[in-house]
Every structure is written in structure tokens, then in C-alpha cells.
C-alpha atoms as a PDB file:
ATOM      1  CA  MET A   1      -1.640  -9.560  -0.241  1.00  0.00           C
ATOM      2  CA  SER A   2       0.606 -12.442   0.703  1.00  0.00           C
ATOM      3  CA  GLN A   3       2.201 -14.429  -2.106  1.00  0.00           C
ATOM      4  CA  SER A   4       5.644 -15.628  -3.161  1.00  0.00           C
ATOM      5  CA  ALA A   5       6.095 -13.439  -6.260  1.00  0.00           C
ATOM      6  CA  PRO A   6       4.655 -10.036  -7.050  1.00  0.00           C
ATOM      7  CA  ASP A   7       1.912  -9.785  -9.638  1.00  0.00           C
ATOM      8  CA  PRO A   8       2.702  -6.590 -11.561  1.00  0.00           C
ATOM      9  CA  VAL A   9      -0.957  -6.086 -12.476  1.00  0.00           C
ATOM     10  CA  LEU A  10      -2.051  -6.245  -8.823  1.00  0.00           C
ATOM     11  CA  LEU A  11       0.797  -3.965  -7.747  1.00  0.00           C
ATOM     12  CA  GLU A  12      -0.225  -1.371 -10.327  1.00  0.00           C
ATOM     13  CA  GLN A  13      -3.892  -1.725  -9.351  1.00  0.00           C
ATOM     14  CA  ALA A  14      -2.959  -1.134  -5.694  1.00  0.00           C
ATOM     15  CA  ARG A  15      -0.778   1.849  -6.605  1.00  0.00           C
ATOM     16  CA  ARG A  16      -3.521   3.468  -8.679  1.00  0.00           C
ATOM     17  CA  ALA A  17      -6.205   2.894  -6.050  1.00  0.00           C
ATOM     18  CA  LEU A  18      -4.085   4.417  -3.288  1.00  0.00           C
ATOM     19  CA  THR A  19      -2.645   7.345  -5.219  1.00  0.00           C
ATOM     20  CA  ALA A  20      -6.186   8.336  -6.201  1.00  0.00           C
ATOM     21  CA  GLN A  21      -6.736   8.971  -2.466  1.00  0.00           C
ATOM     22  CA  ASP A  22      -3.187   9.984  -1.457  1.00  0.00           C
ATOM     23  CA  GLU A  23      -0.856  11.283  -4.172  1.00  0.00           C
ATOM     24  CA  SER A  24       2.183  10.576  -1.993  1.00  0.00           C
ATOM     25  CA  ALA A  25       1.304   6.900  -1.385  1.00  0.00           C
ATOM     26  CA  HIS A  26       4.055   4.398  -2.156  1.00  0.00           C
ATOM     27  CA  VAL A  27       3.386   0.695  -2.785  1.00  0.00           C
ATOM     28  CA  GLU A  28       6.032  -2.017  -2.983  1.00  0.00           C
ATOM     29  CA  PHE A  29       6.238  -5.774  -2.737  1.00  0.00           C
ATOM     30  CA  ASP A  30       8.488  -7.130   0.018  1.00  0.00           C
ATOM     31  CA  ALA A  31       9.867 -10.364  -1.439  1.00  0.00           C
ATOM     32  CA  ALA A  32      11.432 -11.429   1.872  1.00  0.00           C
ATOM     33  CA  SER A  33       8.081 -11.521   3.658  1.00  0.00           C
ATOM     34  CA  GLY A  34       5.838 -11.974   0.614  1.00  0.00           C
ATOM     35  CA  THR A  35       3.740  -8.958   1.569  1.00  0.00           C
ATOM     36  CA  LEU A  36       2.625  -5.675   0.119  1.00  0.00           C
ATOM     37  CA  ARG A  37       4.089  -2.656   1.904  1.00  0.00           C
ATOM     38  CA  VAL A  38       2.269   0.659   1.788  1.00  0.00           C
ATOM     39  CA  GLN A  39       3.477   4.071   2.854  1.00  0.00           C
ATOM     40  CA  SER A  40       0.643   6.572   2.946  1.00  0.00           C
ATOM     41  CA  GLN A  41      -0.771   9.549   4.759  1.00  0.00           C
ATOM     42  CA  LEU A  42      -3.975   7.487   5.065  1.00  0.00           C
ATOM     43  CA  ASP A  43      -4.554   5.453   8.212  1.00  0.00           C
ATOM     44  CA  GLN A  44      -4.393   1.653   8.015  1.00  0.00           C
ATOM     45  CA  ALA A  45      -8.164   1.170   8.067  1.00  0.00           C
ATOM     46  CA  THR A  46      -8.591   3.552   5.135  1.00  0.00           C
ATOM     47  CA  VAL A  47      -5.769   1.903   3.165  1.00  0.00           C
ATOM     48  CA  LEU A  48      -7.455  -1.478   3.638  1.00  0.00           C
ATOM     49  CA  LYS A  49     -10.838  -0.081   2.619  1.00  0.00           C
ATOM     50  CA  VAL A  50      -9.392   1.531  -0.533  1.00  0.00           C
ATOM     51  CA  LEU A  51      -7.543  -1.647  -1.564  1.00  0.00           C
ATOM     52  CA  GLN A  52     -10.485  -3.923  -0.809  1.00  0.00           C
ATOM     53  CA  SER A  53     -12.828  -1.580  -2.715  1.00  0.00           C
ATOM     54  CA  ALA A  54     -10.495  -2.048  -5.681  1.00  0.00           C
ATOM     55  CA  ALA A  55     -11.090  -5.829  -5.369  1.00  0.00           C
ATOM     56  CA  LEU A  56      -7.564  -6.539  -4.137  1.00  0.00           C
ATOM     57  CA  PRO A  57      -7.071  -9.574  -1.860  1.00  0.00           C
ATOM     58  CA  VAL A  58      -5.578  -7.819   1.186  1.00  0.00           C
ATOM     59  CA  THR A  59      -5.725  -8.112   4.950  1.00  0.00           C
ATOM     60  CA  ALA A  60      -4.087  -6.059   7.694  1.00  0.00           C
ATOM     61  CA  ALA A  61      -0.597  -6.981   8.786  1.00  0.00           C
ATOM     62  CA  ALA A  62       0.021  -7.969  12.369  1.00  0.00           C
ATOM     63  CA  GLU A  63       2.902  -5.511  12.630  1.00  0.00           C
ATOM     64  CA  ALA A  64       2.284  -1.988  13.852  1.00  0.00           C
ATOM     65  CA  ALA A  65       2.308   0.780  11.311  1.00  0.00           C
ATOM     66  CA  GLU A  66       5.482   2.867  11.323  1.00  0.00           C
ATOM     67  CA  ARG A  67       4.987   6.554  12.036  1.00  0.00           C
ATOM     68  CA  SER A  68       6.598   9.092   9.758  1.00  0.00           C
ATOM     69  CA  ASP A  69       6.904  12.841   9.565  1.00  0.00           C
ATOM     70  CA  CYS A  70       7.079  12.621   5.787  1.00  0.00           C
ATOM     71  CA  CYS A  71       4.655  14.985   4.054  1.00  0.00           C
ATOM     72  CA  GLY A  72       5.345  13.480   0.638  1.00  0.00           C
ATOM     73  CA  GLY A  73       6.484  16.820  -0.730  1.00  0.00           C
ATOM     74  CA  CYS A  74      10.006  15.909  -1.780  1.00  0.00           C
ATOM     75  CA  CYS A  75       9.340  12.475  -3.253  1.00  0.00           C
ATOM     76  CA  GLY A  76       5.581  12.202  -3.297  1.00  0.00           C
ATOM     77  CA  SER A  77       4.554  11.731  -6.879  1.00  0.00           C
END
């Protein structure tokens, strides 16, 4: 989702769609790049499928996904 200002309705829609599949998912808008950033236990293809199934206008980023050892237990919900 690339745009100059975040749409709070779309951000909430993305958050709800992802947390339904991964309770520890975190969604934020990166104003510097104008992109949606997602942290999730789900792989990138699944994140895209979930967001697109929720009728959100998203495409995959060119950057590689960052790996994390986070289980979501301490800050996950």
C-alpha cells in the first residue's frame, strides 16, 4: 500500500485481517517511504494473500523480509 498519508481505516482493516491469522502481527505505516510495514510470523506470500483477500491494495516490497527470533509472547497482542 503505497501512498503519502496513512488511511486509518485501511490500517485498521490490515491490522484486523492479519491479527485474525497471527495474533502477534504488527502493522504500521512508514511515512518516510509511504509504505505499510508488517511484522508477522506469517511468510510474505501469506501476508499478501491475507491482505489482498481483505480487499486491500497491496503489493510485495522489493526489499527482503527481515528475519526475527521474536515469538510475539512479550508484546504480541
